[in-house]
């Protein structure tokens, strides 16, 4: 069953532009991984340093494996110092009755 992984990112003041660039790079890189389906980036209009990324994956196993493989990438190493707090991550599925 396909899953949507929601990443909740809060960037430090002044890091919004670079943080968004790196977040876009992360998701560009995801396209090369097995199980990746698509993604959307949502930028909070009231707090530009707040980004929600919704990544769609073939399965939770695919999403978890890629997270493990990618967590030490150069892009993530550059992004971490820009974070106001650690990123939150939720794994979701669509409600079949909605």
N, C-alpha and C. Protein backbone atom coordinates (compact mmCIF):
# COMPACT_ATOMS: atom_id res chain seq x y z
N UNK A 1 0.84 -1.19 0.00
CA UNK A 1 0.00 0.00 0.00
C UNK A 1 0.89 1.25 0.00
N UNK A 2 0.57 2.19 -0.85
CA UNK A 2 1.33 3.44 -0.93
C UNK A 2 1.17 4.23 0.37
N UNK A 3 2.23 4.93 0.74
CA UNK A 3 2.22 5.77 1.94
C UNK A 3 2.66 7.18 1.56
N UNK A 4 2.23 8.13 2.39
CA UNK A 4 2.72 9.49 2.29
C UNK A 4 3.49 9.79 3.56
N UNK A 5 4.74 10.20 3.38
CA UNK A 5 5.58 10.59 4.51
C UNK A 5 5.54 12.10 4.60
N UNK A 6 5.15 12.62 5.75
CA UNK A 6 5.07 14.05 5.98
C UNK A 6 6.28 14.46 6.81
N UNK A 7 7.09 15.36 6.24
CA UNK A 7 8.24 15.93 6.95
C UNK A 7 7.91 17.36 7.32
N UNK A 8 7.98 17.67 8.60
CA UNK A 8 7.68 19.01 9.12
C UNK A 8 9.01 19.68 9.46
N UNK A 9 9.37 20.70 8.67
CA UNK A 9 10.66 21.37 8.80
C UNK A 9 10.49 22.81 9.24
N UNK A 10 11.24 23.19 10.28
CA UNK A 10 11.29 24.58 10.74
C UNK A 10 12.73 25.06 10.61
N UNK A 11 12.92 26.12 9.82
CA UNK A 11 14.25 26.68 9.59
C UNK A 11 14.51 27.87 10.49
N UNK A 12 15.77 28.09 10.81
CA UNK A 12 16.16 29.25 11.61
C UNK A 12 15.88 30.54 10.82
N UNK A 13 15.56 31.63 11.53
CA UNK A 13 15.39 32.91 10.83
C UNK A 13 16.64 33.25 10.04
N UNK A 14 16.45 33.67 8.81
CA UNK A 14 17.56 34.01 7.93
C UNK A 14 18.04 32.84 7.08
N UNK A 15 17.58 31.63 7.39
CA UNK A 15 18.00 30.44 6.65
C UNK A 15 16.93 29.94 5.68
N UNK A 16 15.87 30.72 5.53
CA UNK A 16 14.74 30.25 4.73
C UNK A 16 15.11 29.95 3.28
N UNK A 17 15.84 30.84 2.64
CA UNK A 17 16.17 30.66 1.22
C UNK A 17 17.06 29.43 1.01
N UNK A 18 18.13 29.33 1.78
CA UNK A 18 19.05 28.20 1.65
C UNK A 18 18.38 26.90 2.09
N UNK A 19 17.58 26.96 3.13
CA UNK A 19 16.86 25.77 3.60
C UNK A 19 15.89 25.26 2.56
N UNK A 20 15.19 26.16 1.89
CA UNK A 20 14.26 25.75 0.83
C UNK A 20 15.03 25.16 -0.35
N UNK A 21 16.16 25.77 -0.69
CA UNK A 21 16.98 25.23 -1.79
C UNK A 21 17.43 23.80 -1.47
N UNK A 22 17.89 23.58 -0.26
CA UNK A 22 18.36 22.25 0.13
C UNK A 22 17.20 21.25 0.20
N UNK A 23 16.05 21.71 0.68
CA UNK A 23 14.87 20.83 0.72
C UNK A 23 14.47 20.43 -0.69
N UNK A 24 14.50 21.37 -1.61
CA UNK A 24 14.21 21.03 -3.02
C UNK A 24 15.23 20.02 -3.56
N UNK A 25 16.50 20.16 -3.16
CA UNK A 25 17.54 19.23 -3.59
C UNK A 25 17.27 17.83 -3.05
N UNK A 26 16.88 17.75 -1.78
CA UNK A 26 16.55 16.45 -1.18
C UNK A 26 15.52 15.74 -2.04
N UNK A 27 14.45 16.46 -2.37
CA UNK A 27 13.35 15.81 -3.09
C UNK A 27 13.69 15.57 -4.55
N UNK A 28 14.55 16.36 -5.12
CA UNK A 28 15.05 16.06 -6.46
C UNK A 28 15.84 14.75 -6.42
N UNK A 29 16.66 14.58 -5.39
CA UNK A 29 17.44 13.35 -5.23
C UNK A 29 16.55 12.13 -5.03
N UNK A 30 15.42 12.31 -4.36
CA UNK A 30 14.53 11.17 -4.07
C UNK A 30 14.03 10.49 -5.35
N UNK A 31 13.94 11.25 -6.42
CA UNK A 31 13.43 10.69 -7.69
C UNK A 31 14.26 9.50 -8.18
N UNK A 32 15.51 9.41 -7.76
CA UNK A 32 16.40 8.34 -8.21
C UNK A 32 16.23 7.04 -7.41
N UNK A 33 15.46 7.09 -6.32
CA UNK A 33 15.35 5.92 -5.44
C UNK A 33 14.16 5.04 -5.80
N UNK A 34 14.38 3.75 -5.65
CA UNK A 34 13.33 2.75 -5.86
C UNK A 34 12.19 3.01 -4.87
N UNK A 35 10.97 3.00 -5.38
CA UNK A 35 9.80 3.16 -4.53
C UNK A 35 9.27 4.58 -4.44
N UNK A 36 10.07 5.57 -4.87
CA UNK A 36 9.60 6.96 -4.86
C UNK A 36 8.50 7.12 -5.90
N UNK A 37 7.41 7.80 -5.52
CA UNK A 37 6.30 8.05 -6.45
C UNK A 37 6.19 9.53 -6.82
N UNK A 38 6.14 10.42 -5.82
CA UNK A 38 5.99 11.85 -6.08
C UNK A 38 6.16 12.60 -4.76
N UNK A 39 6.14 13.93 -4.86
CA UNK A 39 6.19 14.75 -3.65
C UNK A 39 5.56 16.11 -3.90
N UNK A 40 5.20 16.78 -2.82
CA UNK A 40 4.76 18.17 -2.83
C UNK A 40 5.48 18.88 -1.70
N UNK A 41 5.88 20.12 -1.93
CA UNK A 41 6.43 20.98 -0.89
C UNK A 41 5.44 22.09 -0.61
N UNK A 42 5.10 22.26 0.64
CA UNK A 42 4.15 23.29 1.06
C UNK A 42 4.90 24.27 1.95
N UNK A 43 4.88 25.56 1.58
CA UNK A 43 5.57 26.60 2.33
C UNK A 43 4.52 27.42 3.07
N UNK A 44 4.66 27.48 4.36
CA UNK A 44 3.73 28.20 5.23
C UNK A 44 3.72 29.68 4.86
N UNK A 45 2.58 30.22 4.49
CA UNK A 45 2.48 31.63 4.11
C UNK A 45 2.66 32.57 5.29
N UNK A 46 2.41 32.09 6.51
CA UNK A 46 2.56 32.93 7.70
C UNK A 46 3.93 32.76 8.36
N UNK A 47 4.65 31.71 7.99
CA UNK A 47 5.97 31.45 8.56
C UNK A 47 6.84 30.83 7.47
N UNK A 48 7.54 31.67 6.67
CA UNK A 48 8.28 31.16 5.52
C UNK A 48 9.37 30.15 5.84
N UNK A 49 9.77 30.07 7.10
CA UNK A 49 10.75 29.06 7.49
C UNK A 49 10.14 27.73 7.84
N UNK A 50 8.84 27.60 7.61
CA UNK A 50 8.12 26.36 7.92
C UNK A 50 7.73 25.69 6.60
N UNK A 51 8.26 24.50 6.39
CA UNK A 51 8.02 23.75 5.15
C UNK A 51 7.47 22.38 5.51
N UNK A 52 6.40 21.99 4.84
CA UNK A 52 5.90 20.62 4.92
C UNK A 52 6.22 19.95 3.60
N UNK A 53 6.86 18.80 3.67
CA UNK A 53 7.13 18.00 2.48
C UNK A 53 6.27 16.75 2.58
N UNK A 54 5.52 16.47 1.52
CA UNK A 54 4.71 15.27 1.46
C UNK A 54 5.30 14.37 0.39
N UNK A 55 5.98 13.33 0.81
CA UNK A 55 6.61 12.40 -0.11
C UNK A 55 5.79 11.14 -0.22
N UNK A 56 5.43 10.78 -1.45
CA UNK A 56 4.64 9.56 -1.67
C UNK A 56 5.56 8.43 -2.11
N UNK A 57 5.40 7.29 -1.43
CA UNK A 57 6.24 6.12 -1.63
C UNK A 57 5.39 4.89 -1.89
N UNK A 58 5.94 3.95 -2.60
CA UNK A 58 5.25 2.69 -2.90
C UNK A 58 4.89 1.95 -1.61
N UNK A 59 5.78 2.01 -0.61
CA UNK A 59 5.53 1.33 0.66
C UNK A 59 6.31 2.02 1.78
N UNK A 60 5.94 1.71 2.99
CA UNK A 60 6.68 2.24 4.14
C UNK A 60 8.11 1.71 4.14
N UNK A 61 8.26 0.45 3.76
CA UNK A 61 9.59 -0.15 3.71
C UNK A 61 10.50 0.64 2.77
N UNK A 62 9.98 1.01 1.59
CA UNK A 62 10.77 1.82 0.65
C UNK A 62 11.17 3.14 1.29
N UNK A 63 10.21 3.82 1.91
CA UNK A 63 10.49 5.13 2.52
C UNK A 63 11.53 4.99 3.64
N UNK A 64 11.39 3.96 4.46
CA UNK A 64 12.33 3.77 5.57
C UNK A 64 13.73 3.44 5.07
N UNK A 65 13.82 2.60 4.04
CA UNK A 65 15.14 2.24 3.50
C UNK A 65 15.85 3.46 2.92
N UNK A 66 15.11 4.27 2.18
CA UNK A 66 15.73 5.46 1.59
C UNK A 66 16.14 6.45 2.68
N UNK A 67 15.31 6.60 3.69
CA UNK A 67 15.68 7.50 4.80
C UNK A 67 17.00 7.05 5.42
N UNK A 68 17.16 5.77 5.63
CA UNK A 68 18.38 5.24 6.24
C UNK A 68 19.58 5.47 5.32
N UNK A 69 19.40 5.26 4.02
CA UNK A 69 20.51 5.42 3.07
C UNK A 69 20.89 6.88 2.86
N UNK A 70 19.92 7.79 2.96
CA UNK A 70 20.14 9.19 2.60
C UNK A 70 20.50 10.08 3.80
N UNK A 71 20.30 9.59 5.02
CA UNK A 71 20.43 10.45 6.20
C UNK A 71 21.81 11.07 6.39
N UNK A 72 22.85 10.45 5.84
CA UNK A 72 24.20 10.99 5.96
C UNK A 72 24.70 11.67 4.69
N UNK A 73 23.80 12.01 3.80
CA UNK A 73 24.18 12.65 2.53
C UNK A 73 24.70 14.06 2.78
N UNK A 74 25.45 14.59 1.82
CA UNK A 74 25.94 15.96 1.91
C UNK A 74 24.79 16.96 2.06
N UNK A 75 23.71 16.73 1.34
CA UNK A 75 22.57 17.66 1.40
C UNK A 75 21.99 17.71 2.80
N UNK A 76 21.80 16.56 3.43
CA UNK A 76 21.26 16.54 4.79
C UNK A 76 22.26 17.16 5.76
N UNK A 77 23.53 16.90 5.58
CA UNK A 77 24.55 17.51 6.46
C UNK A 77 24.52 19.04 6.36
N UNK A 78 24.23 19.56 5.18
CA UNK A 78 24.14 21.02 5.02
C UNK A 78 22.84 21.57 5.60
N UNK A 79 21.78 20.78 5.53
CA UNK A 79 20.46 21.24 6.00
C UNK A 79 20.37 21.26 7.53
N UNK A 80 20.94 20.30 8.20
CA UNK A 80 20.78 20.16 9.65
C UNK A 80 21.14 21.43 10.42
N UNK A 81 22.26 22.11 10.13
CA UNK A 81 22.58 23.32 10.90
C UNK A 81 21.60 24.47 10.69
N UNK A 82 20.79 24.40 9.64
CA UNK A 82 19.83 25.46 9.35
C UNK A 82 18.50 25.26 10.08
N UNK A 83 18.33 24.10 10.70
CA UNK A 83 17.06 23.77 11.35
C UNK A 83 16.91 24.48 12.69
N UNK A 84 15.71 25.00 12.93
CA UNK A 84 15.40 25.60 14.22
C UNK A 84 15.15 24.50 15.26
N UNK A 85 14.73 23.33 14.81
CA UNK A 85 14.51 22.17 15.66
C UNK A 85 14.56 20.93 14.78
N UNK A 86 14.73 19.76 15.36
CA UNK A 86 14.76 18.55 14.53
C UNK A 86 13.46 18.39 13.74
N UNK A 87 13.59 17.85 12.54
CA UNK A 87 12.42 17.65 11.70
C UNK A 87 11.55 16.53 12.27
N UNK A 88 10.23 16.72 12.19
CA UNK A 88 9.28 15.67 12.56
C UNK A 88 8.91 14.90 11.32
N UNK A 89 8.56 13.62 11.50
CA UNK A 89 8.21 12.76 10.37
C UNK A 89 7.02 11.90 10.76
N UNK A 90 6.00 11.88 9.89
CA UNK A 90 4.84 11.03 10.08
C UNK A 90 4.67 10.17 8.83
N UNK A 91 4.26 8.92 9.04
CA UNK A 91 3.93 8.02 7.94
C UNK A 91 2.41 7.91 7.92
N UNK A 92 1.84 8.20 6.77
CA UNK A 92 0.37 8.21 6.67
C UNK A 92 -0.11 7.37 5.49
N UNK A 93 -1.36 6.95 5.57
CA UNK A 93 -2.05 6.32 4.44
C UNK A 93 -3.38 7.04 4.29
N UNK A 94 -3.90 7.02 3.08
CA UNK A 94 -5.19 7.66 2.85
C UNK A 94 -6.31 6.81 3.44
N UNK A 95 -7.31 7.49 3.98
CA UNK A 95 -8.49 6.82 4.51
C UNK A 95 -9.30 6.30 3.33
N UNK A 96 -9.47 5.00 3.20
CA UNK A 96 -10.18 4.46 2.03
C UNK A 96 -11.65 4.83 1.98
N UNK A 97 -12.17 5.34 3.09
CA UNK A 97 -13.60 5.69 3.12
C UNK A 97 -13.84 7.17 2.92
N UNK A 98 -12.80 7.95 2.64
CA UNK A 98 -13.02 9.40 2.47
C UNK A 98 -13.28 9.73 1.03
